[in-house]
Amino acid sequence: SMAANKIEGIRAALCHDTFSAQATREHNDA
């Protein structure tokens, strides 16, 4: 996640649960 987020246009989200996976797509357009 740290490496990917260094690249412009990337919104990489570290998720270890389904709530975070849903929220990051809905709110952050990861």
PDB file of all heavy atoms in Angstrom:
ATOM      1  N   SER A   1       0.832  -1.205   0.000  1.00  0.00           N
ATOM      2  CA  SER A   1       0.000   0.000   0.000  1.00  0.00           C
ATOM      3  C   SER A   1       0.867   1.256   0.000  1.00  0.00           C
ATOM      4  O   SER A   1       0.559   2.236  -0.690  1.00  0.00           O
ATOM      5  CB  SER A   1      -0.979   0.008   1.173  1.00  0.00           C
ATOM      6  OG  SER A   1      -0.317   0.044   2.406  1.00  0.00           O
ATOM      7  N   MET A   2       1.964   1.225   0.736  1.00  0.00           N
ATOM      8  CA  MET A   2       2.854   2.386   0.763  1.00  0.00           C
ATOM      9  C   MET A   2       3.478   2.623  -0.612  1.00  0.00           C
ATOM     10  O   MET A   2       3.536   3.762  -1.088  1.00  0.00           O
ATOM     11  CB  MET A   2       3.931   2.199   1.829  1.00  0.00           C
ATOM     12  CG  MET A   2       3.353   2.206   3.238  1.00  0.00           C
ATOM     13  SD  MET A   2       4.565   1.786   4.487  1.00  0.00           S
ATOM     14  CE  MET A   2       5.411   3.342   4.625  1.00  0.00           C
ATOM     15  N   ALA A   3       3.938   1.565  -1.246  1.00  0.00           N
ATOM     16  CA  ALA A   3       4.576   1.695  -2.562  1.00  0.00           C
ATOM     17  C   ALA A   3       3.574   2.161  -3.616  1.00  0.00           C
ATOM     18  O   ALA A   3       3.873   3.063  -4.405  1.00  0.00           O
ATOM     19  CB  ALA A   3       5.202   0.361  -2.971  1.00  0.00           C
ATOM     20  N   ALA A   4       2.398   1.573  -3.638  1.00  0.00           N
ATOM     21  CA  ALA A   4       1.398   1.928  -4.653  1.00  0.00           C
ATOM     22  C   ALA A   4       0.941   3.368  -4.501  1.00  0.00           C
ATOM     23  O   ALA A   4       0.750   4.082  -5.498  1.00  0.00           O
ATOM     24  CB  ALA A   4       0.211   0.978  -4.580  1.00  0.00           C
ATOM     25  N   ASN A   5       0.771   3.821  -3.271  1.00  0.00           N
ATOM     26  CA  ASN A   5       0.270   5.180  -3.043  1.00  0.00           C
ATOM     27  C   ASN A   5       1.280   6.266  -3.378  1.00  0.00           C
ATOM     28  O   ASN A   5       0.925   7.448  -3.385  1.00  0.00           O
ATOM     29  CB  ASN A   5      -0.238   5.333  -1.606  1.00  0.00           C
ATOM     30  CG  ASN A   5      -1.649   4.806  -1.479  1.00  0.00           C
ATOM     31  OD1 ASN A   5      -2.494   5.058  -2.323  1.00  0.00           O
ATOM     32  ND2 ASN A   5      -1.896   4.053  -0.419  1.00  0.00           N
ATOM     33  N   LYS A   6       2.496   5.905  -3.709  1.00  0.00           N
ATOM     34  CA  LYS A   6       3.490   6.882  -4.171  1.00  0.00           C
ATOM     35  C   LYS A   6       3.216   7.302  -5.623  1.00  0.00           C
ATOM     36  O   LYS A   6       3.773   8.283  -6.096  1.00  0.00           O
ATOM     37  CB  LYS A   6       4.905   6.304  -4.081  1.00  0.00           C
ATOM     38  CG  LYS A   6       5.368   6.036  -2.680  1.00  0.00           C
ATOM     39  CD  LYS A   6       5.703   7.316  -1.987  1.00  0.00           C
ATOM     40  CE  LYS A   6       6.313   7.057  -0.621  1.00  0.00           C
ATOM     41  NZ  LYS A   6       6.549   8.298   0.082  1.00  0.00           N
ATOM     42  N   ILE A   7       2.367   6.559  -6.303  1.00  0.00           N
ATOM     43  CA  ILE A   7       2.133   6.788  -7.731  1.00  0.00           C
ATOM     44  C   ILE A   7       0.883   7.645  -7.922  1.00  0.00           C
ATOM     45  O   ILE A   7      -0.187   7.322  -7.400  1.00  0.00           O
ATOM     46  CB  ILE A   7       2.022   5.443  -8.466  1.00  0.00           C
ATOM     47  CG1 ILE A   7       3.368   4.699  -8.308  1.00  0.00           C
ATOM     48  CG2 ILE A   7       1.660   5.641  -9.924  1.00  0.00           C
ATOM     49  CD1 ILE A   7       3.307   3.244  -8.570  1.00  0.00           C
ATOM     50  N   GLU A   8       1.048   8.733  -8.659  1.00  0.00           N
ATOM     51  CA  GLU A   8      -0.053   9.669  -8.883  1.00  0.00           C
ATOM     52  C   GLU A   8      -1.244   8.950  -9.524  1.00  0.00           C
ATOM     53  O   GLU A   8      -1.081   8.154 -10.446  1.00  0.00           O
ATOM     54  CB  GLU A   8       0.397  10.814  -9.788  1.00  0.00           C
ATOM     55  CG  GLU A   8      -0.646  11.904  -9.909  1.00  0.00           C
ATOM     56  CD  GLU A   8      -0.163  13.116 -10.661  1.00  0.00           C
ATOM     57  OE1 GLU A   8       1.057  13.279 -10.841  1.00  0.00           O
ATOM     58  OE2 GLU A   8      -1.020  13.905 -11.077  1.00  0.00           O
ATOM     59  N   GLY A   9      -2.424   9.248  -8.997  1.00  0.00           N
ATOM     60  CA  GLY A   9      -3.644   8.648  -9.518  1.00  0.00           C
ATOM     61  C   GLY A   9      -4.048   7.361  -8.836  1.00  0.00           C
ATOM     62  O   GLY A   9      -5.114   6.823  -9.099  1.00  0.00           O
ATOM     63  N   ILE A  10      -3.194   6.864  -7.958  1.00  0.00           N
ATOM     64  CA  ILE A  10      -3.491   5.619  -7.247  1.00  0.00           C
ATOM     65  C   ILE A  10      -4.059   5.939  -5.872  1.00  0.00           C
ATOM     66  O   ILE A  10      -3.548   6.795  -5.149  1.00  0.00           O
ATOM     67  CB  ILE A  10      -2.236   4.737  -7.125  1.00  0.00           C
ATOM     68  CG1 ILE A  10      -1.767   4.291  -8.505  1.00  0.00           C
ATOM     69  CG2 ILE A  10      -2.494   3.541  -6.208  1.00  0.00           C
ATOM     70  CD1 ILE A  10      -2.811   3.534  -9.316  1.00  0.00           C
ATOM     71  N   ARG A  11      -5.117   5.227  -5.552  1.00  0.00           N
ATOM     72  CA  ARG A  11      -5.734   5.289  -4.232  1.00  0.00           C
ATOM     73  C   ARG A  11      -5.799   3.846  -3.728  1.00  0.00           C
ATOM     74  O   ARG A  11      -6.788   3.148  -3.943  1.00  0.00           O
ATOM     75  CB  ARG A  11      -7.109   5.952  -4.299  1.00  0.00           C
ATOM     76  CG  ARG A  11      -7.035   7.427  -4.664  1.00  0.00           C
ATOM     77  CD  ARG A  11      -8.395   8.064  -4.836  1.00  0.00           C
ATOM     78  NE  ARG A  11      -9.236   7.383  -5.814  1.00  0.00           N
ATOM     79  CZ  ARG A  11      -9.124   7.516  -7.149  1.00  0.00           C
ATOM     80  NH1 ARG A  11      -8.209   8.302  -7.670  1.00  0.00           N
ATOM     81  NH2 ARG A  11      -9.940   6.860  -7.950  1.00  0.00           N
ATOM     82  N   ALA A  12      -4.695   3.403  -3.136  1.00  0.00           N
ATOM     83  CA  ALA A  12      -4.578   2.024  -2.652  1.00  0.00           C
ATOM     84  C   ALA A  12      -4.998   1.974  -1.196  1.00  0.00           C
ATOM     85  O   ALA A  12      -4.554   2.786  -0.390  1.00  0.00           O
ATOM     86  CB  ALA A  12      -3.147   1.525  -2.811  1.00  0.00           C
ATOM     87  N   ALA A  13      -5.839   1.016  -0.879  1.00  0.00           N
ATOM     88  CA  ALA A  13      -6.358   0.890   0.485  1.00  0.00           C
ATOM     89  C   ALA A  13      -5.994  -0.469   1.063  1.00  0.00           C
ATOM     90  O   ALA A  13      -6.236  -1.505   0.441  1.00  0.00           O
ATOM     91  CB  ALA A  13      -7.868   1.056   0.478  1.00  0.00           C
ATOM     92  N   LEU A  14      -5.421  -0.443   2.249  1.00  0.00           N
ATOM     93  CA  LEU A  14      -5.106  -1.657   2.986  1.00  0.00           C
ATOM     94  C   LEU A  14      -6.360  -2.071   3.749  1.00  0.00           C
ATOM     95  O   LEU A  14      -6.838  -1.326   4.608  1.00  0.00           O
ATOM     96  CB  LEU A  14      -3.954  -1.397   3.952  1.00  0.00           C
ATOM     97  CG  LEU A  14      -3.560  -2.522   4.898  1.00  0.00           C
ATOM     98  CD1 LEU A  14      -3.146  -3.766   4.124  1.00  0.00           C
ATOM     99  CD2 LEU A  14      -2.436  -2.055   5.810  1.00  0.00           C
ATOM    100  N   CYS A  15      -6.892  -3.231   3.428  1.00  0.00           N
ATOM    101  CA  CYS A  15      -8.140  -3.699   4.061  1.00  0.00           C
ATOM    102  C   CYS A  15      -7.974  -5.125   4.558  1.00  0.00           C
ATOM    103  O   CYS A  15      -7.543  -6.000   3.804  1.00  0.00           O
ATOM    104  CB  CYS A  15      -9.299  -3.659   3.069  1.00  0.00           C
ATOM    105  SG  CYS A  15      -9.697  -2.022   2.451  1.00  0.00           S
ATOM    106  N   HIS A  16      -8.378  -5.329   5.809  1.00  0.00           N
ATOM    107  CA  HIS A  16      -8.359  -6.664   6.371  1.00  0.00           C
ATOM    108  C   HIS A  16      -9.735  -7.050   6.913  1.00  0.00           C
ATOM    109  O   HIS A  16      -9.863  -7.966   7.717  1.00  0.00           O
ATOM    110  CB  HIS A  16      -7.284  -6.770   7.467  1.00  0.00           C
ATOM    111  CG  HIS A  16      -5.904  -6.707   6.907  1.00  0.00           C
ATOM    112  ND1 HIS A  16      -4.887  -5.999   7.487  1.00  0.00           N
ATOM    113  CD2 HIS A  16      -5.376  -7.252   5.792  1.00  0.00           C
ATOM    114  CE1 HIS A  16      -3.793  -6.121   6.756  1.00  0.00           C
ATOM    115  NE2 HIS A  16      -4.070  -6.876   5.720  1.00  0.00           N
ATOM    116  N   ASP A  17     -10.764  -6.323   6.448  1.00  0.00           N
ATOM    117  CA  ASP A  17     -12.142  -6.644   6.806  1.00  0.00           C
ATOM    118  C   ASP A  17     -13.056  -6.127   5.699  1.00  0.00           C
ATOM    119  O   ASP A  17     -12.672  -5.259   4.918  1.00  0.00           O
ATOM    120  CB  ASP A  17     -12.519  -6.033   8.162  1.00  0.00           C
ATOM    121  CG  ASP A  17     -12.396  -4.524   8.158  1.00  0.00           C
ATOM    122  OD1 ASP A  17     -13.331  -3.850   7.680  1.00  0.00           O
ATOM    123  OD2 ASP A  17     -11.353  -4.011   8.613  1.00  0.00           O
ATOM    124  N   THR A  18     -14.261  -6.661   5.640  1.00  0.00           N
ATOM    125  CA  THR A  18     -15.186  -6.292   4.560  1.00  0.00           C
ATOM    126  C   THR A  18     -15.733  -4.882   4.716  1.00  0.00           C
ATOM    127  O   THR A  18     -15.994  -4.214   3.717  1.00  0.00           O
ATOM    128  CB  THR A  18     -16.343  -7.296   4.452  1.00  0.00           C
ATOM    129  OG1 THR A  18     -17.030  -7.363   5.704  1.00  0.00           O
ATOM    130  CG2 THR A  18     -15.839  -8.679   4.058  1.00  0.00           C
ATOM    131  N   PHE A  19     -15.908  -4.403   5.954  1.00  0.00           N
ATOM    132  CA  PHE A  19     -16.418  -3.049   6.139  1.00  0.00           C
ATOM    133  C   PHE A  19     -15.467  -2.028   5.527  1.00  0.00           C
ATOM    134  O   PHE A  19     -15.885  -1.107   4.829  1.00  0.00           O
ATOM    135  CB  PHE A  19     -16.646  -2.731   7.621  1.00  0.00           C
ATOM    136  CG  PHE A  19     -17.081  -1.302   7.827  1.00  0.00           C
ATOM    137  CD1 PHE A  19     -18.389  -0.916   7.582  1.00  0.00           C
ATOM    138  CD2 PHE A  19     -16.165  -0.342   8.224  1.00  0.00           C
ATOM    139  CE1 PHE A  19     -18.781   0.410   7.728  1.00  0.00           C
ATOM    140  CE2 PHE A  19     -16.543   0.988   8.385  1.00  0.00           C
ATOM    141  CZ  PHE A  19     -17.865   1.363   8.130  1.00  0.00           C
ATOM    142  N   SER A  20     -14.177  -2.176   5.787  1.00  0.00           N
ATOM    143  CA  SER A  20     -13.186  -1.253   5.220  1.00  0.00           C
ATOM    144  C   SER A  20     -13.163  -1.329   3.699  1.00  0.00           C
ATOM    145  O   SER A  20     -13.030  -0.307   3.021  1.00  0.00           O
ATOM    146  CB  SER A  20     -11.792  -1.564   5.770  1.00  0.00           C
ATOM    147  OG  SER A  20     -11.753  -1.376   7.156  1.00  0.00           O
ATOM    148  N   ALA A  21     -13.292  -2.532   3.154  1.00  0.00           N
ATOM    149  CA  ALA A  21     -13.301  -2.698   1.702  1.00  0.00           C
ATOM    150  C   ALA A  21     -14.502  -1.980   1.082  1.00  0.00           C
ATOM    151  O   ALA A  21     -14.382  -1.315   0.044  1.00  0.00           O
ATOM    152  CB  ALA A  21     -13.322  -4.180   1.340  1.00  0.00           C
ATOM    153  N   GLN A  22     -15.651  -2.091   1.713  1.00  0.00           N
ATOM    154  CA  GLN A  22     -16.849  -1.409   1.213  1.00  0.00           C
ATOM    155  C   GLN A  22     -16.705   0.103   1.352  1.00  0.00           C
ATOM    156  O   GLN A  22     -16.959   0.853   0.408  1.00  0.00           O
ATOM    157  CB  GLN A  22     -18.085  -1.884   1.978  1.00  0.00           C
ATOM    158  CG  GLN A  22     -19.357  -1.177   1.533  1.00  0.00           C
ATOM    159  CD  GLN A  22     -20.575  -1.643   2.307  1.00  0.00           C
ATOM    160  OE1 GLN A  22     -20.543  -2.674   2.980  1.00  0.00           O
ATOM    161  NE2 GLN A  22     -21.645  -0.902   2.219  1.00  0.00           N
ATOM    162  N   ALA A  23     -16.276   0.551   2.507  1.00  0.00           N
ATOM    163  CA  ALA A  23     -16.170   1.989   2.762  1.00  0.00           C
ATOM    164  C   ALA A  23     -15.154   2.662   1.846  1.00  0.00           C
ATOM    165  O   ALA A  23     -15.389   3.772   1.356  1.00  0.00           O
ATOM    166  CB  ALA A  23     -15.811   2.243   4.226  1.00  0.00           C
ATOM    167  N   THR A  24     -14.026   1.994   1.590  1.00  0.00           N
ATOM    168  CA  THR A  24     -13.011   2.634   0.760  1.00  0.00           C
ATOM    169  C   THR A  24     -13.440   2.750  -0.692  1.00  0.00           C
ATOM    170  O   THR A  24     -13.044   3.675  -1.389  1.00  0.00           O
ATOM    171  CB  THR A  24     -11.635   1.955   0.905  1.00  0.00           C
ATOM    172  OG1 THR A  24     -10.638   2.854   0.442  1.00  0.00           O
ATOM    173  CG2 THR A  24     -11.560   0.647   0.139  1.00  0.00           C
ATOM    174  N   ARG A  25     -14.256   1.834  -1.151  1.00  0.00           N
ATOM    175  CA  ARG A  25     -14.792   1.967  -2.521  1.00  0.00           C
ATOM    176  C   ARG A  25     -15.864   3.059  -2.557  1.00  0.00           C
ATOM    177  O   ARG A  25     -15.870   3.905  -3.446  1.00  0.00           O
ATOM    178  CB  ARG A  25     -15.379   0.642  -3.000  1.00  0.00           C
ATOM    179  CG  ARG A  25     -14.334  -0.385  -3.359  1.00  0.00           C
ATOM    180  CD  ARG A  25     -13.567  -0.066  -4.647  1.00  0.00           C
ATOM    181  NE  ARG A  25     -14.501   0.057  -5.756  1.00  0.00           N
ATOM    182  CZ  ARG A  25     -14.485   1.052  -6.651  1.00  0.00           C
ATOM    183  NH1 ARG A  25     -13.581   2.003  -6.595  1.00  0.00           N
ATOM    184  NH2 ARG A  25     -15.387   1.083  -7.615  1.00  0.00           N
ATOM    185  N   GLU A  26     -16.787   3.042  -1.588  1.00  0.00           N
ATOM    186  CA  GLU A  26     -17.885   4.019  -1.576  1.00  0.00           C
ATOM    187  C   GLU A  26     -17.392   5.445  -1.341  1.00  0.00           C
ATOM    188  O   GLU A  26     -17.861   6.365  -1.995  1.00  0.00           O
ATOM    189  CB  GLU A  26     -18.899   3.668  -0.481  1.00  0.00           C
ATOM    190  CG  GLU A  26     -19.765   2.491  -0.798  1.00  0.00           C
ATOM    191  CD  GLU A  26     -20.735   2.163   0.320  1.00  0.00           C
ATOM    192  OE1 GLU A  26     -20.628   2.735   1.438  1.00  0.00           O
ATOM    193  OE2 GLU A  26     -21.610   1.311   0.080  1.00  0.00           O
ATOM    194  N   HIS A  27     -16.477   5.635  -0.415  1.00  0.00           N
ATOM    195  CA  HIS A  27     -16.076   6.976   0.014  1.00  0.00           C
ATOM    196  C   HIS A  27     -14.804   7.488  -0.632  1.00  0.00           C
ATOM    197  O   HIS A  27     -14.661   8.690  -0.832  1.00  0.00           O
ATOM    198  CB  HIS A  27     -15.889   7.013   1.532  1.00  0.00           C
ATOM    199  CG  HIS A  27     -17.142   6.728   2.282  1.00  0.00           C
ATOM    200  ND1 HIS A  27     -17.221   6.885   3.648  1.00  0.00           N
ATOM    201  CD2 HIS A  27     -18.363   6.290   1.893  1.00  0.00           C
ATOM    202  CE1 HIS A  27     -18.439   6.553   4.052  1.00  0.00           C
ATOM    203  NE2 HIS A  27     -19.141   6.179   3.003  1.00  0.00           N
ATOM    204  N   ASN A  28     -13.842   6.591  -0.903  1.00  0.00           N
ATOM    205  CA  ASN A  28     -12.535   7.015  -1.398  1.00  0.00           C
ATOM    206  C   ASN A  28     -12.292   6.664  -2.854  1.00  0.00           C
ATOM    207  O   ASN A  28     -11.257   7.023  -3.402  1.00  0.00           O
ATOM    208  CB  ASN A  28     -11.412   6.387  -0.554  1.00  0.00           C
ATOM    209  CG  ASN A  28     -11.612   6.601   0.922  1.00  0.00           C
ATOM    210  OD1 ASN A  28     -11.858   5.647   1.649  1.00  0.00           O
ATOM    211  ND2 ASN A  28     -11.535   7.834   1.372  1.00  0.00           N
ATOM    212  N   ASP A  29     -13.205   5.930  -3.466  1.00  0.00           N
ATOM    213  CA  ASP A  29     -13.035   5.462  -4.840  1.00  0.00           C
ATOM    214  C   ASP A  29     -11.674   4.783  -5.000  1.00  0.00           C
ATOM    215  O   ASP A  29     -10.961   4.997  -5.981  1.00  0.00           O
ATOM    216  CB  ASP A  29     -13.201   6.609  -5.848  1.00  0.00           C
ATOM    217  CG  ASP A  29     -13.451   6.121  -7.265  1.00  0.00           C
ATOM    218  OD1 ASP A  29     -13.832   4.943  -7.444  1.00  0.00           O
ATOM    219  OD2 ASP A  29     -13.253   6.925  -8.202  1.00  0.00           O
ATOM    220  N   ALA A  30     -11.305   3.972  -4.007  1.00  0.00           N
ATOM    221  CA  ALA A  30     -10.028   3.259  -4.053  1.00  0.00           C
ATOM    222  C   ALA A  30      -9.965   2.428  -5.327  1.00  0.00           C
ATOM    223  O   ALA A  30     -10.951   1.807  -5.727  1.00  0.00           O
ATOM    224  CB  ALA A  30      -9.870   2.368  -2.828  1.00  0.00           C
TER     225      ALA A  30
END
